[in-house]
Every structure is written in structure tokens, then in C-alpha cells.
Amino acid sequence: MARCVGVLALQGAFREHVAAVSRLGVAAREVRQLKDMDGIDAMIIPGGESTTMGKLLNEWQMLQPLRERIEQGMPVYGSCAGLILLCRVIENSDQPRLGVLDATVRRNAFGRQVDSFETDLAMPAIGPEPVPAVFIRAPVITGVGPGVKVLAEVKGQAVAVRQNNILATSFHPELTPDTRLHGYFLGMCGS
């Protein structure tokens, strides 16, 4: 059972993730430094700018320790930029990444900021009702390994996946009042 979920707070929509987890009755801690990871049972990597977040993780010597925790089984959820950082391959990029998700991702696949959109997604793993999804300069997953399960698609493109202790979405559930996706993640943590 997750007693405390860390939310990477270097940049991006971290406050909204903290609020979503808190609404579900689980403690959340903003993680800005390596020492902030002490005592957390799971991690959320928010949307934002993946290149900046990767460089900061690397510069502040958090990238490798976080990677090791995930590889040892710590549950992790990445939304948008978080998804990009989790993927093993980022098309046309050599930016720093965690590389723990056996998937290939394409950044900004739906277009620029003005092409952002909202839609309802069928996600049977979450429940029978559609999940509201906010896509902002969103990536898509262009390929997955055999251990990765696709949870949702938009126009035939994977936008939500799970691989063991790793959950990742192209969209921002934290920007909606629906907490089911966060609840699903907490379920992965034993909460």
C-alpha cells in the first residue's frame, strides 16, 4: 500500500497531480531533489517539457537513482512529458530519459499548442464510462514491446499503456475532475 506518492516537481503540472492523489486520500509529496525521494512508495512524472525535465533530472543527479527505483519495482505513472521520459526510444531525440518503458514515442504528434484538444476515451481497464482526456502538444506511442499493454487509443495511435509497474498516458487526467486514472495507479501501488 502506498503511504506516500512522490510527484516530480521540477517543472510542469505537478500541483494538479498532488491535488488528484490527495483527493483520493493518499499523501503526496513534491519531489525536487534526490533527498525528497526518501520514503516515497510510488512516483508520478507530470506533463511539462520533457527535454527540460530530463536535463534537470540528469544535472541534479536524480535520473539514475529514479531509474533504479523503477527497475526495482517502484510504481511510476507518467503523463505527457512523463510518458516521454519513461520511454526507451524517443523518435529523433537523444534527450536524457529514464528509458524504462519498452516503447517508442513521438513528441508533439498531434501538432502544436493550438492543436490541443479534449476527448473522451474508452478505457475498459479503468471502467465502463469514458475517461475525459486533455491532450496538449501530446505525444503518441508508435511502438511497444511484447510486455506492454495498450489501454487506450486515439485514431489508431496508442495514448495509454501499462508495463508491469509502469503506467503512462499521452494526455493529462490531472486537468479534469475525474480521478479514476489516479485511482487505477494507486491500485497498482496496493492502495
N, C-alpha and C. Protein backbone atom coordinates (compact mmCIF):
# COMPACT_ATOMS: atom_id res chain seq x y z
N MET A 1 0.83 -1.19 0.00
CA MET A 1 0.00 0.00 0.00
C MET A 1 0.88 1.25 0.00
N ALA A 2 0.60 2.17 -0.91
CA ALA A 2 1.37 3.41 -0.99
C ALA A 2 0.98 4.33 0.16
N ARG A 3 1.96 4.64 0.99
CA ARG A 3 1.73 5.59 2.07
C ARG A 3 1.99 7.01 1.61
N CYS A 4 2.91 7.14 0.64
CA CYS A 4 3.25 8.47 0.13
C CYS A 4 3.66 8.35 -1.34
N VAL A 5 3.00 9.14 -2.18
CA VAL A 5 3.31 9.19 -3.60
C VAL A 5 4.12 10.45 -3.87
N GLY A 6 5.28 10.29 -4.48
CA GLY A 6 6.08 11.43 -4.88
C GLY A 6 5.59 11.94 -6.22
N VAL A 7 5.60 13.25 -6.39
CA VAL A 7 5.26 13.87 -7.67
C VAL A 7 6.45 14.73 -8.07
N LEU A 8 7.09 14.38 -9.19
CA LEU A 8 8.25 15.13 -9.65
C LEU A 8 7.85 16.58 -9.87
N ALA A 9 8.49 17.50 -9.17
CA ALA A 9 8.07 18.90 -9.17
C ALA A 9 9.17 19.81 -9.69
N LEU A 10 9.84 19.39 -10.77
CA LEU A 10 10.88 20.21 -11.36
C LEU A 10 10.29 21.25 -12.31
N GLN A 11 9.15 20.91 -12.89
CA GLN A 11 8.55 21.74 -13.92
C GLN A 11 7.26 21.05 -14.34
N GLY A 12 6.29 21.77 -14.84
CA GLY A 12 5.08 21.15 -15.38
C GLY A 12 3.91 21.14 -14.42
N ALA A 13 2.94 20.25 -14.68
CA ALA A 13 1.64 20.22 -13.99
C ALA A 13 1.68 19.36 -12.73
N PHE A 14 2.69 19.56 -11.89
CA PHE A 14 2.82 18.71 -10.70
C PHE A 14 1.77 19.01 -9.63
N ARG A 15 1.40 20.26 -9.46
CA ARG A 15 0.42 20.61 -8.41
C ARG A 15 -0.91 19.90 -8.62
N GLU A 16 -1.33 19.79 -9.87
CA GLU A 16 -2.60 19.15 -10.19
C GLU A 16 -2.57 17.66 -9.86
N HIS A 17 -1.43 17.00 -10.07
CA HIS A 17 -1.29 15.59 -9.70
C HIS A 17 -1.33 15.43 -8.18
N VAL A 18 -0.65 16.32 -7.47
CA VAL A 18 -0.68 16.28 -6.00
C VAL A 18 -2.11 16.40 -5.51
N ALA A 19 -2.88 17.33 -6.10
CA ALA A 19 -4.28 17.53 -5.69
C ALA A 19 -5.12 16.28 -5.98
N ALA A 20 -4.91 15.65 -7.14
CA ALA A 20 -5.70 14.46 -7.50
C ALA A 20 -5.43 13.31 -6.53
N VAL A 21 -4.17 13.06 -6.22
CA VAL A 21 -3.81 11.99 -5.28
C VAL A 21 -4.37 12.30 -3.89
N SER A 22 -4.25 13.55 -3.48
CA SER A 22 -4.76 13.96 -2.17
C SER A 22 -6.27 13.78 -2.07
N ARG A 23 -7.00 14.09 -3.17
CA ARG A 23 -8.46 13.89 -3.17
C ARG A 23 -8.82 12.43 -2.94
N LEU A 24 -7.92 11.53 -3.29
CA LEU A 24 -8.16 10.10 -3.11
C LEU A 24 -7.69 9.61 -1.74
N GLY A 25 -7.25 10.53 -0.89
CA GLY A 25 -6.90 10.18 0.48
C GLY A 25 -5.51 9.64 0.69
N VAL A 26 -4.62 9.85 -0.27
CA VAL A 26 -3.24 9.36 -0.15
C VAL A 26 -2.31 10.57 -0.08
N ALA A 27 -1.32 10.50 0.78
CA ALA A 27 -0.35 11.58 0.91
C ALA A 27 0.49 11.71 -0.36
N ALA A 28 0.74 12.94 -0.75
CA ALA A 28 1.57 13.21 -1.91
C ALA A 28 2.66 14.20 -1.51
N ARG A 29 3.86 13.99 -2.04
CA ARG A 29 4.99 14.87 -1.73
C ARG A 29 5.61 15.36 -3.03
N GLU A 30 5.85 16.66 -3.11
CA GLU A 30 6.57 17.23 -4.25
C GLU A 30 8.04 16.83 -4.15
N VAL A 31 8.57 16.29 -5.25
CA VAL A 31 9.96 15.83 -5.30
C VAL A 31 10.76 16.79 -6.17
N ARG A 32 11.69 17.51 -5.53
CA ARG A 32 12.53 18.48 -6.24
C ARG A 32 14.01 18.10 -6.19
N GLN A 33 14.37 17.29 -5.20
CA GLN A 33 15.75 16.88 -5.00
C GLN A 33 15.79 15.38 -4.71
N LEU A 34 16.96 14.81 -4.82
CA LEU A 34 17.13 13.38 -4.56
C LEU A 34 16.64 13.01 -3.16
N LYS A 35 16.93 13.83 -2.17
CA LYS A 35 16.53 13.52 -0.79
C LYS A 35 15.01 13.45 -0.64
N ASP A 36 14.27 14.14 -1.52
CA ASP A 36 12.80 14.12 -1.45
C ASP A 36 12.22 12.76 -1.82
N MET A 37 13.03 11.89 -2.45
CA MET A 37 12.55 10.56 -2.82
C MET A 37 12.58 9.59 -1.64
N ASP A 38 13.25 9.96 -0.56
CA ASP A 38 13.29 9.09 0.62
C ASP A 38 11.88 8.91 1.16
N GLY A 39 11.48 7.67 1.36
CA GLY A 39 10.18 7.39 1.97
C GLY A 39 8.99 7.39 1.04
N ILE A 40 9.20 7.64 -0.25
CA ILE A 40 8.05 7.55 -1.17
C ILE A 40 7.91 6.11 -1.65
N ASP A 41 6.66 5.73 -1.93
CA ASP A 41 6.36 4.37 -2.37
C ASP A 41 6.08 4.29 -3.86
N ALA A 42 5.82 5.44 -4.48
CA ALA A 42 5.48 5.50 -5.90
C ALA A 42 5.82 6.90 -6.40
N MET A 43 5.86 7.05 -7.73
CA MET A 43 6.22 8.35 -8.31
C MET A 43 5.31 8.68 -9.48
N ILE A 44 4.93 9.95 -9.56
CA ILE A 44 4.22 10.47 -10.73
C ILE A 44 5.14 11.48 -11.40
N ILE A 45 5.29 11.33 -12.71
CA ILE A 45 6.07 12.28 -13.50
C ILE A 45 5.07 13.03 -14.37
N PRO A 46 4.91 14.34 -14.12
CA PRO A 46 3.84 15.10 -14.78
C PRO A 46 4.17 15.49 -16.21
N GLY A 47 3.16 16.10 -16.83
CA GLY A 47 3.38 16.74 -18.11
C GLY A 47 4.16 18.02 -17.90
N GLY A 48 4.69 18.54 -18.97
CA GLY A 48 5.52 19.74 -18.94
C GLY A 48 6.40 19.72 -20.17
N GLU A 49 7.66 20.01 -20.01
CA GLU A 49 8.60 20.00 -21.13
C GLU A 49 9.63 18.91 -20.85
N SER A 50 9.56 17.82 -21.62
CA SER A 50 10.37 16.64 -21.32
C SER A 50 11.86 16.88 -21.43
N THR A 51 12.29 17.72 -22.37
CA THR A 51 13.73 17.98 -22.51
C THR A 51 14.25 18.68 -21.26
N THR A 52 13.53 19.68 -20.80
CA THR A 52 13.93 20.41 -19.59
C THR A 52 13.95 19.49 -18.39
N MET A 53 12.89 18.70 -18.21
CA MET A 53 12.83 17.80 -17.05
C MET A 53 13.96 16.77 -17.10
N GLY A 54 14.24 16.22 -18.27
CA GLY A 54 15.33 15.25 -18.40
C GLY A 54 16.68 15.86 -18.06
N LYS A 55 16.92 17.07 -18.55
CA LYS A 55 18.19 17.74 -18.25
C LYS A 55 18.33 18.03 -16.76
N LEU A 56 17.23 18.48 -16.13
CA LEU A 56 17.29 18.77 -14.69
C LEU A 56 17.49 17.49 -13.88
N LEU A 57 16.78 16.41 -14.25
CA LEU A 57 16.98 15.13 -13.56
C LEU A 57 18.44 14.70 -13.64
N ASN A 58 19.03 14.87 -14.81
CA ASN A 58 20.42 14.49 -15.02
C ASN A 58 21.36 15.41 -14.24
N GLU A 59 21.16 16.71 -14.37
CA GLU A 59 22.02 17.70 -13.74
C GLU A 59 22.00 17.59 -12.21
N TRP A 60 20.82 17.29 -11.65
CA TRP A 60 20.67 17.20 -10.21
C TRP A 60 20.85 15.78 -9.69
N GLN A 61 21.42 14.92 -10.54
CA GLN A 61 21.79 13.55 -10.19
C GLN A 61 20.62 12.74 -9.64
N MET A 62 19.45 12.92 -10.27
CA MET A 62 18.26 12.18 -9.87
C MET A 62 17.88 11.12 -10.90
N LEU A 63 18.39 11.23 -12.12
CA LEU A 63 17.97 10.35 -13.21
C LEU A 63 18.27 8.89 -12.91
N GLN A 64 19.51 8.57 -12.59
CA GLN A 64 19.89 7.18 -12.36
C GLN A 64 19.23 6.60 -11.10
N PRO A 65 19.20 7.32 -9.97
CA PRO A 65 18.51 6.76 -8.80
C PRO A 65 17.02 6.51 -9.05
N LEU A 66 16.37 7.40 -9.78
CA LEU A 66 14.95 7.20 -10.08
C LEU A 66 14.78 5.99 -11.00
N ARG A 67 15.64 5.87 -12.01
CA ARG A 67 15.60 4.72 -12.91
C ARG A 67 15.75 3.42 -12.12
N GLU A 68 16.70 3.40 -11.20
CA GLU A 68 16.94 2.19 -10.41
C GLU A 68 15.73 1.83 -9.55
N ARG A 69 15.10 2.83 -8.94
CA ARG A 69 13.91 2.57 -8.12
C ARG A 69 12.79 1.96 -8.97
N ILE A 70 12.61 2.49 -10.18
CA ILE A 70 11.57 1.96 -11.07
C ILE A 70 11.91 0.53 -11.49
N GLU A 71 13.17 0.31 -11.86
CA GLU A 71 13.60 -1.03 -12.26
C GLU A 71 13.47 -2.04 -11.13
N GLN A 72 13.54 -1.57 -9.89
CA GLN A 72 13.37 -2.45 -8.73
C GLN A 72 11.91 -2.66 -8.38
N GLY A 73 10.98 -2.02 -9.14
CA GLY A 73 9.57 -2.28 -8.95
C GLY A 73 8.72 -1.16 -8.40
N MET A 74 9.32 0.00 -8.11
CA MET A 74 8.51 1.11 -7.61
C MET A 74 7.50 1.52 -8.69
N PRO A 75 6.21 1.59 -8.36
CA PRO A 75 5.22 2.03 -9.35
C PRO A 75 5.48 3.47 -9.78
N VAL A 76 5.33 3.71 -11.08
CA VAL A 76 5.52 5.04 -11.64
C VAL A 76 4.44 5.31 -12.67
N TYR A 77 3.95 6.54 -12.68
CA TYR A 77 2.97 6.99 -13.67
C TYR A 77 3.51 8.25 -14.32
N GLY A 78 3.55 8.25 -15.65
CA GLY A 78 3.99 9.42 -16.39
C GLY A 78 2.90 9.90 -17.32
N SER A 79 2.57 11.21 -17.24
CA SER A 79 1.59 11.80 -18.16
C SER A 79 2.31 12.76 -19.09
N CYS A 80 2.03 12.66 -20.38
CA CYS A 80 2.56 13.53 -21.43
C CYS A 80 4.09 13.56 -21.41
N ALA A 81 4.71 14.60 -20.89
CA ALA A 81 6.18 14.64 -20.83
C ALA A 81 6.71 13.48 -19.98
N GLY A 82 5.96 13.10 -18.95
CA GLY A 82 6.36 11.96 -18.14
C GLY A 82 6.42 10.68 -18.95
N LEU A 83 5.44 10.51 -19.85
CA LEU A 83 5.46 9.37 -20.77
C LEU A 83 6.73 9.39 -21.61
N ILE A 84 7.06 10.55 -22.16
CA ILE A 84 8.25 10.67 -23.00
C ILE A 84 9.50 10.26 -22.22
N LEU A 85 9.63 10.75 -20.99
CA LEU A 85 10.81 10.43 -20.18
C LEU A 85 10.89 8.94 -19.83
N LEU A 86 9.74 8.28 -19.73
CA LEU A 86 9.74 6.85 -19.39
C LEU A 86 10.14 5.97 -20.57
N CYS A 87 9.87 6.40 -21.80
CA CYS A 87 10.09 5.55 -22.98
C CYS A 87 11.56 5.26 -23.25
N ARG A 88 11.79 4.06 -23.74
CA ARG A 88 13.15 3.63 -24.11
C ARG A 88 13.64 4.40 -25.33
N VAL A 89 12.73 4.64 -26.31
CA VAL A 89 13.12 5.32 -27.55
C VAL A 89 12.23 6.54 -27.75
N ILE A 90 12.87 7.69 -28.02
CA ILE A 90 12.17 8.92 -28.36
C ILE A 90 12.58 9.23 -29.79
N GLU A 91 11.62 9.21 -30.72
CA GLU A 91 11.95 9.44 -32.12
C GLU A 91 12.68 10.77 -32.30
N ASN A 92 13.76 10.73 -33.07
CA ASN A 92 14.53 11.92 -33.45
C ASN A 92 15.03 12.72 -32.26
N SER A 93 15.40 12.05 -31.17
CA SER A 93 15.87 12.76 -29.99
C SER A 93 16.89 11.93 -29.23
N ASP A 94 17.89 12.61 -28.71
CA ASP A 94 18.85 11.96 -27.81
C ASP A 94 18.79 12.57 -26.41
N GLN A 95 17.65 13.19 -26.10
CA GLN A 95 17.48 13.85 -24.80
C GLN A 95 17.60 12.85 -23.66
N PRO A 96 17.99 13.30 -22.47
CA PRO A 96 18.02 12.41 -21.31
C PRO A 96 16.64 11.82 -21.04
N ARG A 97 16.61 10.55 -20.64
CA ARG A 97 15.35 9.85 -20.36
C ARG A 97 15.61 8.75 -19.35
N LEU A 98 14.53 8.28 -18.76
CA LEU A 98 14.62 7.14 -17.86
C LEU A 98 14.76 5.84 -18.65
N GLY A 99 14.03 5.72 -19.76
CA GLY A 99 14.18 4.58 -20.65
C GLY A 99 13.75 3.25 -20.06
N VAL A 100 12.75 3.25 -19.18
CA VAL A 100 12.32 2.02 -18.51
C VAL A 100 11.08 1.39 -19.15
N LEU A 101 10.39 2.11 -20.01
CA LEU A 101 9.19 1.61 -20.68
C LEU A 101 9.58 1.12 -22.07
N ASP A 102 9.26 -0.13 -22.37
CA ASP A 102 9.63 -0.74 -23.65
C ASP A 102 8.70 -0.22 -24.75
N ALA A 103 8.91 1.05 -25.11
CA ALA A 103 8.05 1.70 -26.09
C ALA A 103 8.84 2.79 -26.82
N THR A 104 8.31 3.14 -28.00
CA THR A 104 8.84 4.24 -28.80
C THR A 104 7.78 5.33 -28.83
N VAL A 105 8.21 6.57 -28.65
CA VAL A 105 7.29 7.69 -28.58
C VAL A 105 7.67 8.77 -29.60
N ARG A 106 6.66 9.45 -30.11
CA ARG A 106 6.85 10.61 -31.00
C ARG A 106 6.32 11.84 -30.27
N ARG A 107 7.19 12.80 -30.06
CA ARG A 107 6.79 14.03 -29.36
C ARG A 107 5.89 14.88 -30.25
N ASN A 108 5.01 15.67 -29.60
CA ASN A 108 4.14 16.63 -30.29
C ASN A 108 3.42 16.03 -31.50
N ALA A 109 2.98 14.80 -31.38
CA ALA A 109 2.43 14.06 -32.52
C ALA A 109 1.10 14.60 -33.02
N PHE A 110 0.36 15.28 -32.16
CA PHE A 110 -0.93 15.82 -32.57
C PHE A 110 -0.82 17.27 -33.04
N GLY A 111 0.38 17.81 -33.05
CA GLY A 111 0.57 19.17 -33.52
C GLY A 111 1.01 20.12 -32.43
N ARG A 112 0.90 21.39 -32.74
CA ARG A 112 1.36 22.46 -31.86
C ARG A 112 0.33 22.76 -30.76
N GLN A 113 0.64 23.75 -29.95
CA GLN A 113 -0.23 24.14 -28.84
C GLN A 113 -1.66 24.43 -29.31
N VAL A 114 -1.80 25.09 -30.46
CA VAL A 114 -3.13 25.44 -30.97
C VAL A 114 -3.93 24.21 -31.39
N ASP A 115 -3.26 23.08 -31.55
CA ASP A 115 -3.93 21.84 -31.95
C ASP A 115 -4.34 20.99 -30.74
N SER A 116 -4.17 21.53 -29.54
CA SER A 116 -4.57 20.81 -28.33
C SER A 116 -6.07 20.54 -28.36
N PHE A 117 -6.50 19.45 -27.71
CA PHE A 117 -7.91 19.08 -27.75
C PHE A 117 -8.28 18.24 -26.54
N GLU A 118 -9.58 18.10 -26.33
CA GLU A 118 -10.13 17.23 -25.29
C GLU A 118 -11.02 16.21 -25.95
N THR A 119 -11.03 15.00 -25.39
CA THR A 119 -11.91 13.94 -25.90
C THR A 119 -12.20 12.95 -24.78
N ASP A 120 -13.19 12.12 -24.98
CA ASP A 120 -13.49 11.04 -24.05
C ASP A 120 -12.93 9.74 -24.63
N LEU A 121 -12.20 9.01 -23.81
CA LEU A 121 -11.55 7.78 -24.25
C LEU A 121 -12.19 6.55 -23.63
N ALA A 122 -12.36 5.52 -24.43
CA ALA A 122 -12.75 4.21 -23.90
C ALA A 122 -11.50 3.60 -23.26
N MET A 123 -11.61 3.28 -21.97
CA MET A 123 -10.51 2.64 -21.25
C MET A 123 -11.10 1.57 -20.35
N PRO A 124 -11.39 0.39 -20.90
CA PRO A 124 -12.02 -0.68 -20.11
C PRO A 124 -11.28 -1.01 -18.82
N ALA A 125 -9.95 -0.85 -18.79
CA ALA A 125 -9.20 -1.15 -17.57
C ALA A 125 -9.57 -0.19 -16.44
N ILE A 126 -10.06 0.98 -16.78
CA ILE A 126 -10.45 1.99 -15.79
C ILE A 126 -11.91 1.84 -15.40
N GLY A 127 -12.74 1.42 -16.34
CA GLY A 127 -14.17 1.26 -16.06
C GLY A 127 -14.99 1.42 -17.32
N PRO A 128 -16.32 1.22 -17.22
CA PRO A 128 -17.17 1.26 -18.40
C PRO A 128 -17.41 2.67 -18.95
N GLU A 129 -17.33 3.68 -18.09
CA GLU A 129 -17.57 5.05 -18.53
C GLU A 129 -16.31 5.62 -19.19
N PRO A 130 -16.46 6.43 -20.26
CA PRO A 130 -15.30 7.03 -20.91
C PRO A 130 -14.50 7.91 -19.94
N VAL A 131 -13.22 8.00 -20.19
CA VAL A 131 -12.31 8.81 -19.39
C VAL A 131 -12.07 10.13 -20.12
N PRO A 132 -12.30 11.28 -19.46
CA PRO A 132 -12.01 12.55 -20.11
C PRO A 132 -10.50 12.74 -20.23
N ALA A 133 -10.06 13.15 -21.41
CA ALA A 133 -8.63 13.27 -21.66
C ALA A 133 -8.32 14.62 -22.31
N VAL A 134 -7.32 15.30 -21.77
CA VAL A 134 -6.86 16.59 -22.28
C VAL A 134 -5.50 16.36 -22.94
N PHE A 135 -5.42 16.67 -24.22
CA PHE A 135 -4.18 16.50 -25.00
C PHE A 135 -3.59 17.87 -25.30
N ILE A 136 -2.39 18.13 -24.80
CA ILE A 136 -1.71 19.41 -25.01
C ILE A 136 -0.33 19.11 -25.60
N ARG A 137 -0.13 19.46 -26.88
CA ARG A 137 1.14 19.14 -27.56
C ARG A 137 1.54 17.70 -27.24
N ALA A 138 0.59 16.82 -27.36
CA ALA A 138 0.74 15.46 -26.84
C ALA A 138 1.57 14.54 -27.74
N PRO A 139 2.28 13.62 -27.09
CA PRO A 139 2.99 12.57 -27.83
C PRO A 139 2.05 11.41 -28.15
N VAL A 140 2.50 10.53 -29.04
CA VAL A 140 1.85 9.24 -29.24
C VAL A 140 2.90 8.15 -29.16
N ILE A 141 2.45 6.98 -28.81
CA ILE A 141 3.33 5.82 -28.74
C ILE A 141 3.25 5.12 -30.09
N THR A 142 4.39 5.05 -30.76
CA THR A 142 4.41 4.50 -32.12
C THR A 142 4.80 3.03 -32.15
N GLY A 143 5.26 2.50 -31.04
CA GLY A 143 5.62 1.09 -30.99
C GLY A 143 5.76 0.64 -29.55
N VAL A 144 5.38 -0.61 -29.28
CA VAL A 144 5.50 -1.16 -27.93
C VAL A 144 6.11 -2.56 -28.00
N GLY A 145 6.80 -2.91 -26.93
CA GLY A 145 7.36 -4.24 -26.80
C GLY A 145 6.28 -5.23 -26.37
N PRO A 146 6.62 -6.52 -26.33
CA PRO A 146 5.63 -7.56 -26.04
C PRO A 146 5.04 -7.50 -24.64
N GLY A 147 5.72 -6.88 -23.68
CA GLY A 147 5.21 -6.82 -22.32
C GLY A 147 4.38 -5.58 -22.02
N VAL A 148 4.11 -4.76 -23.05
CA VAL A 148 3.38 -3.51 -22.87
C VAL A 148 1.94 -3.69 -23.34
N LYS A 149 1.00 -3.34 -22.48
CA LYS A 149 -0.42 -3.44 -22.82
C LYS A 149 -0.96 -2.05 -23.16
N VAL A 150 -1.59 -1.93 -24.33
CA VAL A 150 -2.20 -0.67 -24.74
C VAL A 150 -3.56 -0.57 -24.04
N LEU A 151 -3.78 0.53 -23.30
CA LEU A 151 -5.02 0.74 -22.56
C LEU A 151 -6.00 1.65 -23.28
N ALA A 152 -5.51 2.52 -24.18
CA ALA A 152 -6.39 3.43 -24.92
C ALA A 152 -5.69 3.91 -26.18
N GLU A 153 -6.52 4.22 -27.19
CA GLU A 153 -6.01 4.72 -28.47
C GLU A 153 -6.84 5.91 -28.94
N VAL A 154 -6.21 6.75 -29.74
CA VAL A 154 -6.88 7.83 -30.46
C VAL A 154 -6.47 7.69 -31.92
N LYS A 155 -7.45 7.53 -32.80
CA LYS A 155 -7.19 7.37 -34.23
C LYS A 155 -6.14 6.29 -34.51
N GLY A 156 -6.27 5.18 -33.79
CA GLY A 156 -5.36 4.05 -34.00
C GLY A 156 -3.99 4.20 -33.39
N GLN A 157 -3.75 5.29 -32.66
CA GLN A 157 -2.46 5.53 -32.02
C GLN A 157 -2.59 5.28 -30.52
N ALA A 158 -1.64 4.56 -29.94
CA ALA A 158 -1.65 4.29 -28.50
C ALA A 158 -1.40 5.57 -27.73
N VAL A 159 -2.27 5.85 -26.74
CA VAL A 159 -2.12 7.04 -25.91
C VAL A 159 -2.14 6.71 -24.41
N ALA A 160 -2.29 5.44 -24.06
CA ALA A 160 -2.21 5.00 -22.67
C ALA A 160 -1.71 3.56 -22.68
N VAL A 161 -0.69 3.29 -21.85
CA VAL A 161 -0.10 1.95 -21.81
C VAL A 161 0.29 1.59 -20.38
N ARG A 162 0.44 0.27 -20.18
CA ARG A 162 0.94 -0.23 -18.89
C ARG A 162 1.92 -1.36 -19.16
N GLN A 163 3.01 -1.32 -18.42
CA GLN A 163 4.00 -2.40 -18.43
C GLN A 163 4.39 -2.67 -16.98
N ASN A 164 3.88 -3.73 -16.43
CA ASN A 164 4.15 -4.10 -15.03
C ASN A 164 3.86 -2.93 -14.09
N ASN A 165 4.89 -2.34 -13.49
CA ASN A 165 4.75 -1.26 -12.51
C ASN A 165 4.74 0.14 -13.15
N ILE A 166 4.66 0.19 -14.48
CA ILE A 166 4.74 1.47 -15.20
C ILE A 166 3.41 1.76 -15.90
N LEU A 167 2.85 2.94 -15.64
CA LEU A 167 1.65 3.43 -16.31
C LEU A 167 2.02 4.72 -17.01
N ALA A 168 1.56 4.91 -18.24
CA ALA A 168 1.90 6.13 -18.97
C ALA A 168 0.75 6.53 -19.88
N THR A 169 0.50 7.85 -19.93
CA THR A 169 -0.53 8.38 -20.82
C THR A 169 0.00 9.59 -21.58
N SER A 170 -0.51 9.78 -22.79
CA SER A 170 -0.17 10.95 -23.60
C SER A 170 -0.91 12.18 -23.13
N PHE A 171 -1.96 11.97 -22.39
CA PHE A 171 -2.88 13.05 -22.00
C PHE A 171 -2.73 13.39 -20.52
N HIS A 172 -3.50 14.41 -20.10
CA HIS A 172 -3.42 14.97 -18.76
C HIS A 172 -4.71 14.71 -17.97
N PRO A 173 -4.84 13.60 -17.27
CA PRO A 173 -6.05 13.38 -16.47
C PRO A 173 -6.12 14.32 -15.26
N GLU A 174 -4.98 14.83 -14.85
CA GLU A 174 -4.94 15.72 -13.69
C GLU A 174 -5.62 17.06 -13.95
N LEU A 175 -5.90 17.38 -15.22
CA LEU A 175 -6.55 18.63 -15.58
C LEU A 175 -8.08 18.48 -15.66
N THR A 176 -8.58 17.33 -15.23
CA THR A 176 -10.02 17.09 -15.19
C THR A 176 -10.40 16.74 -13.75
N PRO A 177 -11.68 16.81 -13.40
CA PRO A 177 -12.09 16.42 -12.04
C PRO A 177 -12.16 14.90 -11.84
N ASP A 178 -12.02 14.13 -12.91
CA ASP A 178 -12.12 12.66 -12.86
C ASP A 178 -10.83 12.09 -12.28
N THR A 179 -10.92 11.38 -11.15
CA THR A 179 -9.73 10.83 -10.50
C THR A 179 -9.56 9.33 -10.74
N ARG A 180 -10.34 8.76 -11.66
CA ARG A 180 -10.28 7.29 -11.85
C ARG A 180 -8.91 6.81 -12.30
N LEU A 181 -8.23 7.55 -13.16
CA LEU A 181 -6.91 7.11 -13.62
C LEU A 181 -5.90 7.14 -12.47
N HIS A 182 -5.97 8.18 -11.65
CA HIS A 182 -5.11 8.22 -10.47
C HIS A 182 -5.47 7.08 -9.52
N GLY A 183 -6.76 6.78 -9.40
CA GLY A 183 -7.19 5.66 -8.58
C GLY A 183 -6.65 4.34 -9.10
N TYR A 184 -6.65 4.19 -10.43
CA TYR A 184 -6.09 2.99 -11.06
C TYR A 184 -4.61 2.87 -10.70
N PHE A 185 -3.88 4.00 -10.81
CA PHE A 185 -2.46 3.98 -10.47
C PHE A 185 -2.26 3.61 -9.00
N LEU A 186 -3.05 4.20 -8.12
CA LEU A 186 -2.91 3.86 -6.70
C LEU A 186 -3.22 2.39 -6.46
N GLY A 187 -4.12 1.83 -7.26
CA GLY A 187 -4.38 0.38 -7.20
C GLY A 187 -3.15 -0.43 -7.56
N MET A 188 -2.34 0.08 -8.50
CA MET A 188 -1.09 -0.57 -8.86
C MET A 188 -0.11 -0.55 -7.68
N CYS A 189 -0.30 0.43 -6.81
CA CYS A 189 0.57 0.59 -5.64
C CYS A 189 0.07 -0.19 -4.44
N GLY A 190 -1.08 -0.83 -4.59
CA GLY A 190 -1.66 -1.57 -3.48
C GLY A 190 -2.55 -0.73 -2.59
N SER A 191 -2.87 0.50 -3.03
CA SER A 191 -3.74 1.39 -2.23
C SER A 191 -5.19 1.11 -2.50
